[in-house]
N, C-alpha and C. Protein backbone atom coordinates (compact mmCIF):
# COMPACT_ATOMS: atom_id res chain seq x y z
N UNK A 1 0.62 -1.00 -0.34
CA UNK A 1 0.13 -0.07 -0.04
C UNK A 1 0.70 1.43 0.23
N UNK A 2 0.48 2.08 -0.80
CA UNK A 2 1.30 3.21 -0.72
C UNK A 2 0.65 4.20 0.00
N UNK A 3 1.72 5.08 1.05
CA UNK A 3 1.25 6.27 1.79
C UNK A 3 0.54 7.49 0.85
N UNK A 4 -0.45 7.89 1.27
CA UNK A 4 -0.90 8.91 0.43
C UNK A 4 -1.66 10.00 1.42
N UNK A 5 -2.43 11.21 1.05
CA UNK A 5 -2.76 12.20 2.08
C UNK A 5 -3.96 11.59 2.65
N UNK A 6 -4.47 11.72 3.95
CA UNK A 6 -5.36 11.32 4.41
C UNK A 6 -5.32 9.96 5.05
N UNK A 7 -4.26 9.48 4.95
CA UNK A 7 -3.94 8.00 5.58
C UNK A 7 -3.32 8.41 6.85
N UNK A 8 -3.79 7.48 7.82
CA UNK A 8 -2.78 7.69 9.27
C UNK A 8 -1.55 6.80 9.29
N UNK A 9 -0.49 7.38 9.45
CA UNK A 9 1.03 7.01 9.37
C UNK A 9 1.41 6.80 10.49
N UNK A 10 2.50 5.68 10.56
CA UNK A 10 3.17 5.65 12.09
C UNK A 10 4.30 5.34 11.41
N UNK A 11 5.20 6.27 12.06
CA UNK A 11 6.85 6.04 11.80
C UNK A 11 7.53 5.71 12.81
N UNK A 12 8.57 4.98 12.72
CA UNK A 12 9.72 4.83 13.98
C UNK A 12 11.23 5.98 13.28
N UNK A 13 11.63 7.02 14.39
CA UNK A 13 12.78 7.71 13.54
C UNK A 13 13.97 7.84 14.52
N UNK A 14 14.83 8.33 13.87
CA UNK A 14 16.15 8.77 14.77
C UNK A 14 16.49 10.15 14.07
N UNK A 15 16.19 11.39 14.98
CA UNK A 15 16.41 12.40 14.49
C UNK A 15 18.07 12.86 14.93
N UNK A 16 18.61 13.44 13.74
CA UNK A 16 20.14 13.50 14.01
C UNK A 16 20.32 15.05 13.52
N UNK A 17 21.53 15.65 13.95
CA UNK A 17 21.68 17.03 13.44
C UNK A 17 22.73 16.58 12.28
N UNK A 18 23.38 17.63 11.59
CA UNK A 18 24.26 17.32 10.34
C UNK A 18 25.48 16.90 11.03
N UNK A 19 25.98 17.07 12.23
CA UNK A 19 27.19 16.48 12.60
C UNK A 19 27.03 15.08 13.28
N UNK A 20 25.97 14.40 13.20
CA UNK A 20 25.51 13.20 13.53
C UNK A 20 24.93 12.93 14.91
N UNK A 21 24.94 14.00 15.73
CA UNK A 21 24.63 14.24 17.03
C UNK A 21 23.02 13.57 16.91
N UNK A 22 22.65 12.67 17.76
CA UNK A 22 21.22 12.20 18.06
C UNK A 22 20.58 13.27 18.76
N UNK A 23 19.14 13.74 18.48
CA UNK A 23 19.01 14.76 19.42
C UNK A 23 17.43 14.28 19.77
N UNK A 24 16.76 13.20 18.93
CA UNK A 24 15.29 12.35 19.30
C UNK A 24 15.53 11.30 18.79
N UNK A 25 14.76 10.25 19.29
CA UNK A 25 14.46 8.95 18.87
C UNK A 25 13.08 8.56 19.27
N UNK A 26 12.64 7.65 18.66
CA UNK A 26 11.48 6.96 19.16
C UNK A 26 11.62 5.26 18.78
N UNK A 27 12.74 4.96 18.71
CA UNK A 27 13.33 3.55 18.46
C UNK A 27 13.16 3.01 20.17
N UNK A 28 12.72 1.78 20.14
CA UNK A 28 12.35 1.16 21.35
C UNK A 28 11.05 1.96 22.01
N UNK A 29 10.31 2.76 21.35
CA UNK A 29 9.20 3.42 22.20
C UNK A 29 8.20 3.20 21.16
N UNK A 30 7.06 4.02 21.65
CA UNK A 30 5.65 4.31 20.66
C UNK A 30 6.06 5.11 19.33
N UNK A 31 5.62 4.30 17.89
CA UNK A 31 6.11 5.03 16.82
C UNK A 31 5.06 6.68 16.70
N UNK A 32 5.48 7.40 15.92
CA UNK A 32 5.02 8.75 15.96
C UNK A 32 3.77 8.40 14.98
N UNK A 33 2.46 8.97 15.42
CA UNK A 33 1.60 8.63 14.55
C UNK A 33 0.80 10.05 14.19
N UNK A 34 0.55 10.24 12.71
CA UNK A 34 0.24 11.57 12.38
C UNK A 34 -0.80 10.96 11.20
N UNK A 35 -1.76 11.97 10.67
CA UNK A 35 -2.48 11.79 9.20
C UNK A 35 -1.89 12.78 8.27
N UNK A 36 -1.21 12.11 7.37
CA UNK A 36 -0.55 12.62 6.29
C UNK A 36 -1.48 13.70 5.64
N UNK A 37 -0.95 15.09 5.40
CA UNK A 37 -1.54 16.03 4.99
C UNK A 37 -2.46 16.87 5.69
N UNK A 38 -2.32 16.29 6.78
CA UNK A 38 -3.03 17.05 8.06
C UNK A 38 -2.25 18.32 8.76
N UNK A 39 -0.86 18.33 8.37
CA UNK A 39 -0.10 19.62 8.73
C UNK A 39 0.06 19.22 10.39
N UNK A 40 0.07 17.77 10.82
CA UNK A 40 0.56 17.57 12.14
C UNK A 40 1.70 17.50 12.13
N UNK A 41 2.96 17.39 11.27
CA UNK A 41 4.38 17.00 11.36
C UNK A 41 5.12 18.33 10.44
N UNK A 42 6.22 18.51 10.44
CA UNK A 42 7.06 19.53 9.64
C UNK A 42 6.66 19.17 8.30
N UNK A 43 6.69 20.26 7.25
CA UNK A 43 6.40 19.80 5.79
C UNK A 43 7.35 19.06 5.36
N UNK A 44 8.72 18.96 5.49
CA UNK A 44 9.88 18.10 4.79
C UNK A 44 9.56 16.68 5.29
N UNK A 45 9.15 16.69 6.46
CA UNK A 45 9.04 15.17 6.61
C UNK A 45 7.67 14.49 6.09
N UNK A 46 6.64 15.26 6.11
CA UNK A 46 5.36 15.04 5.49
C UNK A 46 5.39 14.67 3.92
N UNK A 47 6.56 15.65 3.46
CA UNK A 47 6.51 15.33 1.58
C UNK A 47 7.29 14.13 1.64
N UNK A 48 8.39 13.95 2.37
CA UNK A 48 9.38 12.72 2.12
C UNK A 48 8.40 11.16 2.70
N UNK A 49 7.45 11.52 2.99
CA UNK A 49 6.72 10.28 3.63
C UNK A 49 5.79 9.84 2.58
N UNK A 50 5.00 10.70 1.94
CA UNK A 50 4.10 10.68 0.86
C UNK A 50 4.58 9.73 -0.33
N UNK A 51 3.84 8.95 -0.69
CA UNK A 51 4.38 7.90 -2.09
C UNK A 51 5.38 6.91 -1.57
N UNK A 52 5.55 6.70 -0.19
CA UNK A 52 6.27 5.55 0.02
C UNK A 52 5.45 4.59 0.75
N UNK A 53 6.38 3.29 0.74
CA UNK A 53 5.28 2.25 0.82
C UNK A 53 5.30 1.63 2.21
N UNK A 54 4.13 1.16 3.00
CA UNK A 54 4.11 0.47 4.29
C UNK A 54 5.64 -0.34 4.27
N UNK A 55 6.30 -0.33 5.24
CA UNK A 55 7.67 -0.94 5.76
C UNK A 55 8.77 -0.36 5.02
N UNK A 56 8.78 0.56 4.13
CA UNK A 56 9.95 1.21 3.46
C UNK A 56 10.84 1.78 4.79
N UNK A 57 12.06 1.66 4.41
CA UNK A 57 13.16 2.18 5.21
C UNK A 57 13.80 3.37 4.40
N UNK A 58 14.11 4.82 4.92
CA UNK A 58 14.85 5.73 4.04
C UNK A 58 14.94 6.84 5.29
N UNK A 59 16.19 7.73 4.69
CA UNK A 59 16.58 8.94 5.38
C UNK A 59 16.12 9.74 4.50
N UNK A 60 15.87 11.15 5.54
CA UNK A 60 15.21 12.04 4.96
C UNK A 60 16.02 13.37 5.47
N UNK A 61 16.64 14.38 4.69
CA UNK A 61 17.32 15.52 5.17
C UNK A 61 16.64 16.54 4.92
N UNK A 62 15.97 17.07 6.17
CA UNK A 62 14.95 18.36 6.27
C UNK A 62 15.64 19.90 6.34
N UNK A 63 15.71 20.64 5.42
CA UNK A 63 16.25 21.91 5.53
C UNK A 63 15.32 23.07 6.42
N UNK A 64 16.09 23.78 7.09
CA UNK A 64 15.23 24.79 7.97
C UNK A 64 14.05 25.37 7.20
N UNK A 65 14.08 25.77 5.86
CA UNK A 65 12.39 26.12 5.52
C UNK A 65 11.50 24.88 5.48
N UNK A 66 11.89 23.89 5.30
CA UNK A 66 11.06 23.19 5.30
C UNK A 66 10.71 22.26 6.71
N UNK A 67 11.40 23.07 7.46
CA UNK A 67 11.13 22.25 9.11
C UNK A 67 10.63 23.19 9.95
N UNK A 68 11.43 23.90 11.05
CA UNK A 68 10.94 24.93 11.91
C UNK A 68 11.20 26.45 11.43
N UNK A 69 11.67 26.22 10.15
CA UNK A 69 12.03 27.77 9.85
C UNK A 69 13.60 28.13 9.87
N UNK A 70 14.00 29.43 9.05
CA UNK A 70 15.03 29.70 9.15
C UNK A 70 15.33 30.35 10.53
N UNK A 71 16.72 30.59 10.91
CA UNK A 71 16.87 30.96 12.13
C UNK A 71 16.88 32.54 12.40
N UNK A 72 16.22 32.97 13.02
CA UNK A 72 16.06 34.53 13.32
C UNK A 72 16.65 35.01 14.85
N UNK A 73 16.91 36.53 14.88
CA UNK A 73 17.00 36.94 16.12
C UNK A 73 15.94 36.60 17.39
N UNK A 74 14.87 36.82 16.54
CA UNK A 74 13.57 36.64 17.60
C UNK A 74 13.44 35.09 18.20
N UNK A 75 14.36 34.22 17.58
CA UNK A 75 14.63 32.75 18.12
C UNK A 75 15.01 32.77 19.72
N UNK A 76 15.89 33.83 19.94
CA UNK A 76 16.49 34.04 21.11
C UNK A 76 15.98 34.71 22.31
N UNK A 77 16.15 34.45 23.34
CA UNK A 77 15.56 35.44 24.59
C UNK A 77 16.99 35.54 25.54
N UNK A 78 17.15 36.64 26.03
CA UNK A 78 18.24 37.03 27.10
C UNK A 78 17.82 36.53 28.49
N UNK A 79 18.61 36.09 29.13
CA UNK A 79 18.39 35.58 30.55
C UNK A 79 19.37 36.17 31.63
N UNK A 80 18.74 36.87 32.36
CA UNK A 80 19.68 37.43 33.32
C UNK A 80 20.38 36.57 34.25
N UNK A 81 21.94 36.83 34.30
CA UNK A 81 22.64 36.04 34.89
C UNK A 81 22.15 35.58 36.35
N UNK A 82 21.66 36.04 36.89
CA UNK A 82 21.12 35.81 38.62
C UNK A 82 20.21 34.69 38.42
N UNK A 83 19.61 34.21 37.15
CA UNK A 83 18.50 33.23 37.04
C UNK A 83 19.27 32.00 36.66
N UNK A 84 20.58 32.00 36.58
CA UNK A 84 21.20 30.60 35.97
C UNK A 84 22.22 30.25 37.29
N UNK A 85 22.50 29.21 37.35
CA UNK A 85 23.57 28.63 38.38
C UNK A 85 25.21 28.84 37.70
N UNK A 86 26.04 29.06 38.62
CA UNK A 86 27.21 29.38 38.05
C UNK A 86 27.77 28.29 37.04
N UNK A 87 27.66 27.09 37.00
CA UNK A 87 28.08 26.23 36.48
C UNK A 87 27.55 26.19 34.69
N UNK A 88 26.18 27.04 34.75
CA UNK A 88 25.51 27.34 33.67
C UNK A 88 25.98 28.40 32.65
N UNK A 89 27.20 28.79 33.10
CA UNK A 89 27.79 29.96 32.42
C UNK A 89 28.65 29.53 31.14
N UNK A 90 28.58 28.29 30.82
CA UNK A 90 29.68 27.72 29.67
C UNK A 90 29.08 27.60 28.37
N UNK A 91 29.45 28.20 27.47
CA UNK A 91 28.83 28.29 26.25
C UNK A 91 28.48 26.77 25.82
N UNK A 92 27.46 26.69 25.41
CA UNK A 92 26.87 25.07 25.03
C UNK A 92 26.40 24.69 26.37
N UNK A 93 26.46 24.79 27.49
CA UNK A 93 25.97 24.22 28.36
C UNK A 93 24.47 23.67 28.24
N UNK A 94 24.27 22.62 28.56
CA UNK A 94 23.11 21.92 28.72
C UNK A 94 22.14 22.23 29.33
N UNK A 95 21.03 22.79 29.28
CA UNK A 95 20.15 22.80 30.64
C UNK A 95 18.32 22.76 30.29
N UNK A 96 17.86 22.64 31.41
CA UNK A 96 16.48 22.40 31.40
C UNK A 96 15.54 23.75 31.53
N UNK A 97 14.97 24.17 30.68
CA UNK A 97 13.65 25.17 31.14
C UNK A 97 12.88 24.71 32.01
N UNK A 98 11.96 25.68 32.64
CA UNK A 98 11.12 25.45 33.98
C UNK A 98 9.98 24.69 33.45
N UNK A 99 9.82 24.42 32.31
CA UNK A 99 8.64 23.80 31.60
C UNK A 99 9.23 22.19 31.12
N UNK A 100 10.62 21.88 31.20
CA UNK A 100 11.41 20.66 31.13
C UNK A 100 11.73 20.34 29.66
N UNK A 101 11.97 21.32 28.86
CA UNK A 101 12.49 21.34 27.50
C UNK A 101 13.96 21.83 27.87
N UNK A 102 14.51 21.13 26.98
CA UNK A 102 16.01 21.39 26.75
C UNK A 102 16.67 22.39 26.26
N UNK A 103 17.75 23.19 26.49
CA UNK A 103 18.30 24.16 25.65
C UNK A 103 19.61 24.31 26.07
N UNK A 104 20.17 24.96 25.23
CA UNK A 104 21.80 25.24 25.38
C UNK A 104 22.17 26.52 25.14
N UNK A 105 23.20 27.37 26.16
CA UNK A 105 23.57 28.82 25.92
C UNK A 105 24.09 29.06 24.80
N UNK A 106 23.88 30.32 23.86
CA UNK A 106 24.73 30.23 22.82
C UNK A 106 25.66 31.61 22.83
N UNK A 107 25.35 32.68 23.89
CA UNK A 107 26.20 33.75 24.10
C UNK A 107 26.28 33.90 25.41
N UNK A 108 27.29 34.68 25.79
CA UNK A 108 27.50 35.01 27.10
C UNK A 108 27.61 36.88 27.32
N UNK A 109 27.22 37.33 28.13
CA UNK A 109 27.22 38.79 28.36
C UNK A 109 27.54 39.06 29.75
N UNK A 110 27.92 40.24 30.10
CA UNK A 110 28.21 40.63 31.47
C UNK A 110 26.82 40.61 32.13
N UNK A 111 25.65 40.96 31.61
CA UNK A 111 24.34 40.95 32.45
C UNK A 111 23.74 39.65 32.04
N UNK A 112 23.96 38.79 31.33
CA UNK A 112 23.00 37.58 31.23
C UNK A 112 23.47 36.74 30.00
N UNK A 113 22.73 36.03 29.40
CA UNK A 113 23.18 34.92 28.60
C UNK A 113 22.10 34.82 27.66
N UNK A 114 22.19 34.61 26.21
CA UNK A 114 21.19 34.41 25.34
C UNK A 114 21.12 32.74 25.01
N UNK A 115 19.61 32.37 24.94
CA UNK A 115 19.56 30.93 24.51
C UNK A 115 18.23 30.95 23.81
N UNK A 116 18.38 29.82 22.65
CA UNK A 116 17.05 29.90 21.93
C UNK A 116 15.89 29.67 22.74
N UNK A 117 14.69 30.02 22.21
CA UNK A 117 13.38 29.75 23.24
C UNK A 117 13.08 28.60 22.88
N UNK A 118 12.07 28.20 23.71
CA UNK A 118 11.68 26.98 23.85
C UNK A 118 11.45 26.25 22.58
N UNK A 119 11.50 24.84 22.13
CA UNK A 119 10.80 24.27 20.97
C UNK A 119 11.77 25.01 19.75
N UNK A 120 12.70 25.67 19.89
CA UNK A 120 13.36 26.44 18.51
C UNK A 120 14.52 25.29 18.02
N UNK A 121 14.24 24.85 16.68
CA UNK A 121 15.15 24.13 16.14
C UNK A 121 15.29 24.95 14.89
N UNK A 122 14.80 26.13 14.53
CA UNK A 122 15.04 27.05 13.47
C UNK A 122 16.44 27.16 12.99
N UNK A 123 16.91 26.91 11.88
CA UNK A 123 18.41 27.22 11.44
C UNK A 123 18.91 26.07 11.29
N UNK A 124 18.70 25.08 12.05
CA UNK A 124 19.35 23.38 11.94
C UNK A 124 18.63 22.82 10.46
N UNK A 125 19.55 22.00 9.70
CA UNK A 125 19.16 21.12 9.28
C UNK A 125 19.07 19.70 10.10
N UNK A 126 18.14 18.79 9.66
CA UNK A 126 17.87 17.63 10.39
C UNK A 126 17.95 16.61 9.42
N UNK A 127 18.27 15.28 9.97
CA UNK A 127 18.13 14.17 9.08
C UNK A 127 17.38 13.10 10.07
N UNK A 128 16.28 12.47 9.57
CA UNK A 128 15.70 11.33 10.32
C UNK A 128 15.34 10.16 9.38
């Protein structure tokens, strides 16, 4: 059966950045289920799945414009340094926001740091 719009699709995936770092995976977990064409997932993945057959295994490279968008300055917020523990002052430090989402620091200033806003994957190309 060919996957087409309106069909319910369940996929198992591993999401990696261009450098090979795995940032998400549902291997050994429940599959990601969505309705193709209902805009429930990013367009790049939706387009890649359409036309595949059940059981197909494939790699997809999703560019920012077909994913979460091109990186913009609006995707970052400044956090006052008194809101972070001293060990968090290293560029690239992996932290968890109050809502449980992970983020990393990108710049350090005398008065604070910048970080991507929650759920911001803009500007990164991803492979799944």
